[in-house]
Amino acid sequence: MNKMMTSMIAFGAGMAAFNLAQKNNLMSERQMKRMKRKVKRSIF
């Protein structure tokens, strides 16, 4: 249960940083796709 909460908080923080980076165009499209894949793999 605790591990689940920690991963959800980490995921939320990651998504916030991700959206910020998207708005500021800090990352290219290719890096975005790669990061999405990594995030999906780490969650599921």
N, C-alpha and C. Protein backbone atom coordinates (compact mmCIF):
# COMPACT_ATOMS: atom_id res chain seq x y z
N MET A 1 0.83 -1.21 0.00
CA MET A 1 0.00 0.00 0.00
C MET A 1 0.87 1.26 0.00
N ASN A 2 1.86 1.27 0.88
CA ASN A 2 2.75 2.42 0.98
C ASN A 2 3.53 2.63 -0.31
N LYS A 3 3.97 1.51 -0.89
CA LYS A 3 4.73 1.59 -2.13
C LYS A 3 3.86 2.16 -3.25
N MET A 4 2.59 1.77 -3.25
CA MET A 4 1.65 2.27 -4.26
C MET A 4 1.50 3.78 -4.13
N MET A 5 1.35 4.26 -2.90
CA MET A 5 1.20 5.70 -2.67
C MET A 5 2.45 6.46 -3.13
N THR A 6 3.60 5.92 -2.81
CA THR A 6 4.86 6.56 -3.19
C THR A 6 4.99 6.66 -4.70
N SER A 7 4.65 5.57 -5.39
CA SER A 7 4.76 5.57 -6.84
C SER A 7 3.76 6.53 -7.47
N MET A 8 2.57 6.65 -6.87
CA MET A 8 1.57 7.58 -7.40
C MET A 8 2.03 9.03 -7.21
N ILE A 9 2.63 9.33 -6.06
CA ILE A 9 3.14 10.68 -5.81
C ILE A 9 4.28 11.00 -6.77
N ALA A 10 5.17 10.02 -6.95
CA ALA A 10 6.29 10.21 -7.87
C ALA A 10 5.77 10.41 -9.30
N PHE A 11 4.75 9.66 -9.65
CA PHE A 11 4.15 9.77 -10.98
C PHE A 11 3.52 11.15 -11.17
N GLY A 12 2.82 11.63 -10.14
CA GLY A 12 2.21 12.96 -10.20
C GLY A 12 3.24 14.05 -10.39
N ALA A 13 4.33 13.96 -9.64
CA ALA A 13 5.41 14.94 -9.75
C ALA A 13 6.04 14.85 -11.15
N GLY A 14 6.20 13.64 -11.63
CA GLY A 14 6.77 13.43 -12.96
C GLY A 14 5.90 14.04 -14.04
N MET A 15 4.59 13.85 -13.91
CA MET A 15 3.66 14.40 -14.90
C MET A 15 3.66 15.93 -14.86
N ALA A 16 3.77 16.51 -13.66
CA ALA A 16 3.82 17.97 -13.54
C ALA A 16 5.06 18.51 -14.24
N ALA A 17 6.21 17.87 -14.00
CA ALA A 17 7.46 18.28 -14.64
C ALA A 17 7.36 18.09 -16.15
N PHE A 18 6.72 16.99 -16.54
CA PHE A 18 6.54 16.66 -17.95
C PHE A 18 5.73 17.75 -18.66
N ASN A 19 4.60 18.14 -18.04
CA ASN A 19 3.75 19.19 -18.62
C ASN A 19 4.48 20.52 -18.69
N LEU A 20 5.26 20.82 -17.66
CA LEU A 20 6.05 22.05 -17.64
C LEU A 20 7.03 22.06 -18.80
N ALA A 21 7.72 20.95 -18.98
CA ALA A 21 8.71 20.83 -20.05
C ALA A 21 8.03 20.96 -21.41
N GLN A 22 6.83 20.40 -21.53
CA GLN A 22 6.10 20.46 -22.78
C GLN A 22 5.72 21.91 -23.11
N LYS A 23 5.25 22.64 -22.09
CA LYS A 23 4.86 24.04 -22.30
C LYS A 23 6.04 24.89 -22.70
N ASN A 24 7.19 24.62 -22.09
CA ASN A 24 8.38 25.43 -22.36
C ASN A 24 9.23 24.89 -23.50
N ASN A 25 8.77 23.80 -24.14
CA ASN A 25 9.49 23.19 -25.25
C ASN A 25 10.94 22.87 -24.89
N LEU A 26 11.13 22.32 -23.69
CA LEU A 26 12.48 21.96 -23.25
C LEU A 26 12.93 20.66 -23.89
N MET A 27 11.96 19.86 -24.32
CA MET A 27 12.31 18.56 -24.91
C MET A 27 11.78 18.45 -26.32
N SER A 28 12.50 17.70 -27.13
CA SER A 28 12.04 17.47 -28.50
C SER A 28 10.96 16.38 -28.51
N GLU A 29 10.26 16.26 -29.61
CA GLU A 29 9.19 15.27 -29.73
C GLU A 29 9.71 13.86 -29.51
N ARG A 30 10.90 13.58 -30.05
CA ARG A 30 11.45 12.24 -29.94
C ARG A 30 11.74 11.89 -28.49
N GLN A 31 12.29 12.84 -27.75
CA GLN A 31 12.57 12.59 -26.33
C GLN A 31 11.27 12.38 -25.56
N MET A 32 10.24 13.12 -25.94
CA MET A 32 8.93 12.97 -25.30
C MET A 32 8.44 11.54 -25.44
N LYS A 33 8.46 11.05 -26.68
CA LYS A 33 7.97 9.70 -26.93
C LYS A 33 8.77 8.67 -26.15
N ARG A 34 10.09 8.86 -26.13
CA ARG A 34 10.95 7.92 -25.41
C ARG A 34 10.61 7.93 -23.92
N MET A 35 10.38 9.13 -23.37
CA MET A 35 10.09 9.25 -21.95
C MET A 35 8.73 8.63 -21.62
N LYS A 36 7.74 8.83 -22.49
CA LYS A 36 6.43 8.24 -22.26
C LYS A 36 6.55 6.73 -22.20
N ARG A 37 7.35 6.16 -23.10
CA ARG A 37 7.52 4.71 -23.12
C ARG A 37 8.19 4.23 -21.83
N LYS A 38 9.19 4.95 -21.37
CA LYS A 38 9.87 4.58 -20.13
C LYS A 38 8.92 4.64 -18.94
N VAL A 39 8.12 5.70 -18.91
CA VAL A 39 7.17 5.87 -17.81
C VAL A 39 6.16 4.74 -17.81
N LYS A 40 5.63 4.40 -18.98
CA LYS A 40 4.65 3.32 -19.08
C LYS A 40 5.26 2.01 -18.60
N ARG A 41 6.51 1.74 -19.03
CA ARG A 41 7.16 0.48 -18.66
C ARG A 41 7.39 0.42 -17.16
N SER A 42 7.76 1.54 -16.56
CA SER A 42 8.03 1.53 -15.11
C SER A 42 6.77 1.38 -14.29
N ILE A 43 5.64 1.83 -14.84
CA ILE A 43 4.38 1.72 -14.07
C ILE A 43 3.75 0.35 -14.22
N PHE A 44 3.66 -0.14 -15.47
CA PHE A 44 2.98 -1.41 -15.71
C PHE A 44 3.94 -2.59 -15.74
